[in-house]
Amino acid sequence: MKKIISRFFIFTVTTLLFLASVTAASACYFSSYQPEVPEALRK
């Protein structure tokens, strides 16, 4: 029984770490986009 719980715990942690890294990578990609400021707004 302990072996099943241990494998389930390892699987859960691995899945959550994967989801966290995917989410962080996509958030960093979109936040790095900085469009050019129009000249009318620079004044």
PDB file of N, CA and C in Angstrom:
ATOM      1  N   MET A   1       0.812  -1.194   0.000  1.00  0.00           N
ATOM      2  CA  MET A   1       0.000   0.000   0.000  1.00  0.00           C
ATOM      3  C   MET A   1       0.864   1.270   0.000  1.00  0.00           C
ATOM      4  N   LYS A   2       1.961   1.253   0.755  1.00  0.00           N
ATOM      5  CA  LYS A   2       2.839   2.423   0.789  1.00  0.00           C
ATOM      6  C   LYS A   2       3.472   2.679  -0.571  1.00  0.00           C
ATOM      7  N   LYS A   3       3.736   1.608  -1.305  1.00  0.00           N
ATOM      8  CA  LYS A   3       4.355   1.758  -2.618  1.00  0.00           C
ATOM      9  C   LYS A   3       3.402   2.469  -3.585  1.00  0.00           C
ATOM     10  N   ILE A   4       2.127   2.150  -3.509  1.00  0.00           N
ATOM     11  CA  ILE A   4       1.133   2.791  -4.378  1.00  0.00           C
ATOM     12  C   ILE A   4       1.009   4.274  -4.035  1.00  0.00           C
ATOM     13  N   ILE A   5       0.942   4.581  -2.754  1.00  0.00           N
ATOM     14  CA  ILE A   5       0.838   5.977  -2.325  1.00  0.00           C
ATOM     15  C   ILE A   5       2.085   6.752  -2.730  1.00  0.00           C
ATOM     16  N   SER A   6       3.241   6.144  -2.593  1.00  0.00           N
ATOM     17  CA  SER A   6       4.490   6.795  -2.967  1.00  0.00           C
ATOM     18  C   SER A   6       4.530   7.095  -4.464  1.00  0.00           C
ATOM     19  N   ARG A   7       4.124   6.147  -5.283  1.00  0.00           N
ATOM     20  CA  ARG A   7       4.120   6.368  -6.733  1.00  0.00           C
ATOM     21  C   ARG A   7       3.104   7.435  -7.126  1.00  0.00           C
ATOM     22  N   PHE A   8       1.941   7.429  -6.463  1.00  0.00           N
ATOM     23  CA  PHE A   8       0.934   8.444  -6.742  1.00  0.00           C
ATOM     24  C   PHE A   8       1.447   9.831  -6.370  1.00  0.00           C
ATOM     25  N   PHE A   9       2.119   9.939  -5.242  1.00  0.00           N
ATOM     26  CA  PHE A   9       2.687  11.214  -4.802  1.00  0.00           C
ATOM     27  C   PHE A   9       3.738  11.713  -5.788  1.00  0.00           C
ATOM     28  N   ILE A  10       4.619  10.838  -6.239  1.00  0.00           N
ATOM     29  CA  ILE A  10       5.666  11.215  -7.201  1.00  0.00           C
ATOM     30  C   ILE A  10       5.041  11.665  -8.516  1.00  0.00           C
ATOM     31  N   PHE A  11       4.017  10.943  -8.975  1.00  0.00           N
ATOM     32  CA  PHE A  11       3.329  11.304 -10.206  1.00  0.00           C
ATOM     33  C   PHE A  11       2.661  12.673 -10.079  1.00  0.00           C
ATOM     34  N   THR A  12       2.007  12.926  -8.944  1.00  0.00           N
ATOM     35  CA  THR A  12       1.326  14.200  -8.718  1.00  0.00           C
ATOM     36  C   THR A  12       2.319  15.355  -8.685  1.00  0.00           C
ATOM     37  N   VAL A  13       3.414  15.195  -7.980  1.00  0.00           N
ATOM     38  CA  VAL A  13       4.422  16.250  -7.897  1.00  0.00           C
ATOM     39  C   VAL A  13       5.032  16.525  -9.264  1.00  0.00           C
ATOM     40  N   THR A  14       5.334  15.494 -10.004  1.00  0.00           N
ATOM     41  CA  THR A  14       5.907  15.658 -11.342  1.00  0.00           C
ATOM     42  C   THR A  14       4.944  16.397 -12.263  1.00  0.00           C
ATOM     43  N   THR A  15       3.677  16.035 -12.216  1.00  0.00           N
ATOM     44  CA  THR A  15       2.674  16.689 -13.055  1.00  0.00           C
ATOM     45  C   THR A  15       2.525  18.163 -12.685  1.00  0.00           C
ATOM     46  N   LEU A  16       2.479  18.458 -11.398  1.00  0.00           N
ATOM     47  CA  LEU A  16       2.335  19.849 -10.977  1.00  0.00           C
ATOM     48  C   LEU A  16       3.566  20.689 -11.322  1.00  0.00           C
ATOM     49  N   LEU A  17       4.747  20.107 -11.207  1.00  0.00           N
ATOM     50  CA  LEU A  17       5.953  20.838 -11.597  1.00  0.00           C
ATOM     51  C   LEU A  17       5.965  21.123 -13.094  1.00  0.00           C
ATOM     52  N   PHE A  18       5.514  20.175 -13.891  1.00  0.00           N
ATOM     53  CA  PHE A  18       5.436  20.372 -15.338  1.00  0.00           C
ATOM     54  C   PHE A  18       4.452  21.490 -15.677  1.00  0.00           C
ATOM     55  N   LEU A  19       3.284  21.471 -15.050  1.00  0.00           N
ATOM     56  CA  LEU A  19       2.292  22.512 -15.308  1.00  0.00           C
ATOM     57  C   LEU A  19       2.795  23.883 -14.867  1.00  0.00           C
ATOM     58  N   ALA A  20       3.498  23.943 -13.756  1.00  0.00           N
ATOM     59  CA  ALA A  20       4.042  25.216 -13.280  1.00  0.00           C
ATOM     60  C   ALA A  20       5.079  25.764 -14.244  1.00  0.00           C
ATOM     61  N   SER A  21       5.934  24.900 -14.766  1.00  0.00           N
ATOM     62  CA  SER A  21       6.963  25.383 -15.692  1.00  0.00           C
ATOM     63  C   SER A  21       6.352  25.834 -17.019  1.00  0.00           C
ATOM     64  N   VAL A  22       5.334  25.135 -17.490  1.00  0.00           N
ATOM     65  CA  VAL A  22       4.669  25.539 -18.735  1.00  0.00           C
ATOM     66  C   VAL A  22       3.970  26.878 -18.549  1.00  0.00           C
ATOM     67  N   THR A  23       3.298  27.050 -17.427  1.00  0.00           N
ATOM     68  CA  THR A  23       2.601  28.306 -17.155  1.00  0.00           C
ATOM     69  C   THR A  23       3.584  29.461 -17.031  1.00  0.00           C
ATOM     70  N   ALA A  24       4.680  29.249 -16.331  1.00  0.00           N
ATOM     71  CA  ALA A  24       5.673  30.315 -16.158  1.00  0.00           C
ATOM     72  C   ALA A  24       6.315  30.672 -17.493  1.00  0.00           C
ATOM     73  N   ALA A  25       6.592  29.686 -18.314  1.00  0.00           N
ATOM     74  CA  ALA A  25       7.224  29.952 -19.606  1.00  0.00           C
ATOM     75  C   ALA A  25       6.291  30.758 -20.506  1.00  0.00           C
ATOM     76  N   SER A  26       5.012  30.430 -20.514  1.00  0.00           N
ATOM     77  CA  SER A  26       4.081  31.171 -21.374  1.00  0.00           C
ATOM     78  C   SER A  26       3.853  32.582 -20.845  1.00  0.00           C
ATOM     79  N   ALA A  27       3.842  32.760 -19.537  1.00  0.00           N
ATOM     80  CA  ALA A  27       3.659  34.093 -18.963  1.00  0.00           C
ATOM     81  C   ALA A  27       4.863  34.976 -19.278  1.00  0.00           C
ATOM     82  N   CYS A  28       6.052  34.426 -19.211  1.00  0.00           N
ATOM     83  CA  CYS A  28       7.247  35.209 -19.511  1.00  0.00           C
ATOM     84  C   CYS A  28       7.281  35.606 -20.987  1.00  0.00           C
ATOM     85  N   TYR A  29       6.800  34.745 -21.851  1.00  0.00           N
ATOM     86  CA  TYR A  29       6.805  35.043 -23.284  1.00  0.00           C
ATOM     87  C   TYR A  29       5.888  36.235 -23.578  1.00  0.00           C
ATOM     88  N   PHE A  30       4.679  36.218 -23.014  1.00  0.00           N
ATOM     89  CA  PHE A  30       3.731  37.285 -23.312  1.00  0.00           C
ATOM     90  C   PHE A  30       4.092  38.590 -22.625  1.00  0.00           C
ATOM     91  N   SER A  31       4.717  38.543 -21.480  1.00  0.00           N
ATOM     92  CA  SER A  31       5.058  39.788 -20.792  1.00  0.00           C
ATOM     93  C   SER A  31       6.292  40.451 -21.393  1.00  0.00           C
ATOM     94  N   SER A  32       7.055  39.729 -22.193  1.00  0.00           N
ATOM     95  CA  SER A  32       8.243  40.325 -22.798  1.00  0.00           C
ATOM     96  C   SER A  32       7.900  41.117 -24.054  1.00  0.00           C
ATOM     97  N   TYR A  33       6.666  41.018 -24.533  1.00  0.00           N
ATOM     98  CA  TYR A  33       6.238  41.762 -25.718  1.00  0.00           C
ATOM     99  C   TYR A  33       6.017  43.221 -25.342  1.00  0.00           C
ATOM    100  N   GLN A  34       6.764  44.123 -25.970  1.00  0.00           N
ATOM    101  CA  GLN A  34       6.617  45.553 -25.706  1.00  0.00           C
ATOM    102  C   GLN A  34       6.513  46.277 -27.039  1.00  0.00           C
ATOM    103  N   PRO A  35       5.308  46.686 -27.413  1.00  0.00           N
ATOM    104  CA  PRO A  35       5.150  47.384 -28.693  1.00  0.00           C
ATOM    105  C   PRO A  35       5.783  48.774 -28.638  1.00  0.00           C
ATOM    106  N   GLU A  36       6.068  49.321 -29.803  1.00  0.00           N
ATOM    107  CA  GLU A  36       6.658  50.655 -29.868  1.00  0.00           C
ATOM    108  C   GLU A  36       5.620  51.704 -29.491  1.00  0.00           C
ATOM    109  N   VAL A  37       6.046  52.725 -28.780  1.00  0.00           N
ATOM    110  CA  VAL A  37       5.159  53.813 -28.366  1.00  0.00           C
ATOM    111  C   VAL A  37       5.012  54.782 -29.533  1.00  0.00           C
ATOM    112  N   PRO A  38       3.796  55.138 -29.903  1.00  0.00           N
ATOM    113  CA  PRO A  38       3.617  56.099 -30.991  1.00  0.00           C
ATOM    114  C   PRO A  38       4.219  57.455 -30.644  1.00  0.00           C
ATOM    115  N   GLU A  39       4.648  58.172 -31.663  1.00  0.00           N
ATOM    116  CA  GLU A  39       5.296  59.476 -31.448  1.00  0.00           C
ATOM    117  C   GLU A  39       4.359  60.466 -30.775  1.00  0.00           C
ATOM    118  N   ALA A  40       3.059  60.392 -31.018  1.00  0.00           N
ATOM    119  CA  ALA A  40       2.111  61.313 -30.401  1.00  0.00           C
ATOM    120  C   ALA A  40       2.065  61.140 -28.896  1.00  0.00           C
ATOM    121  N   LEU A  41       2.323  59.950 -28.401  1.00  0.00           N
ATOM    122  CA  LEU A  41       2.304  59.689 -26.961  1.00  0.00           C
ATOM    123  C   LEU A  41       3.637  59.991 -26.294  1.00  0.00           C
ATOM    124  N   ARG A  42       4.691  60.123 -27.065  1.00  0.00           N
ATOM    125  CA  ARG A  42       6.018  60.392 -26.486  1.00  0.00           C
ATOM    126  C   ARG A  42       6.150  61.819 -25.976  1.00  0.00           C
ATOM    127  N   LYS A  43       5.340  62.732 -26.516  1.00  0.00           N
ATOM    128  CA  LYS A  43       5.444  64.155 -26.167  1.00  0.00           C
ATOM    129  C   LYS A  43       4.920  64.429 -24.771  1.00  0.00           C
TER     130      LYS A  43
END
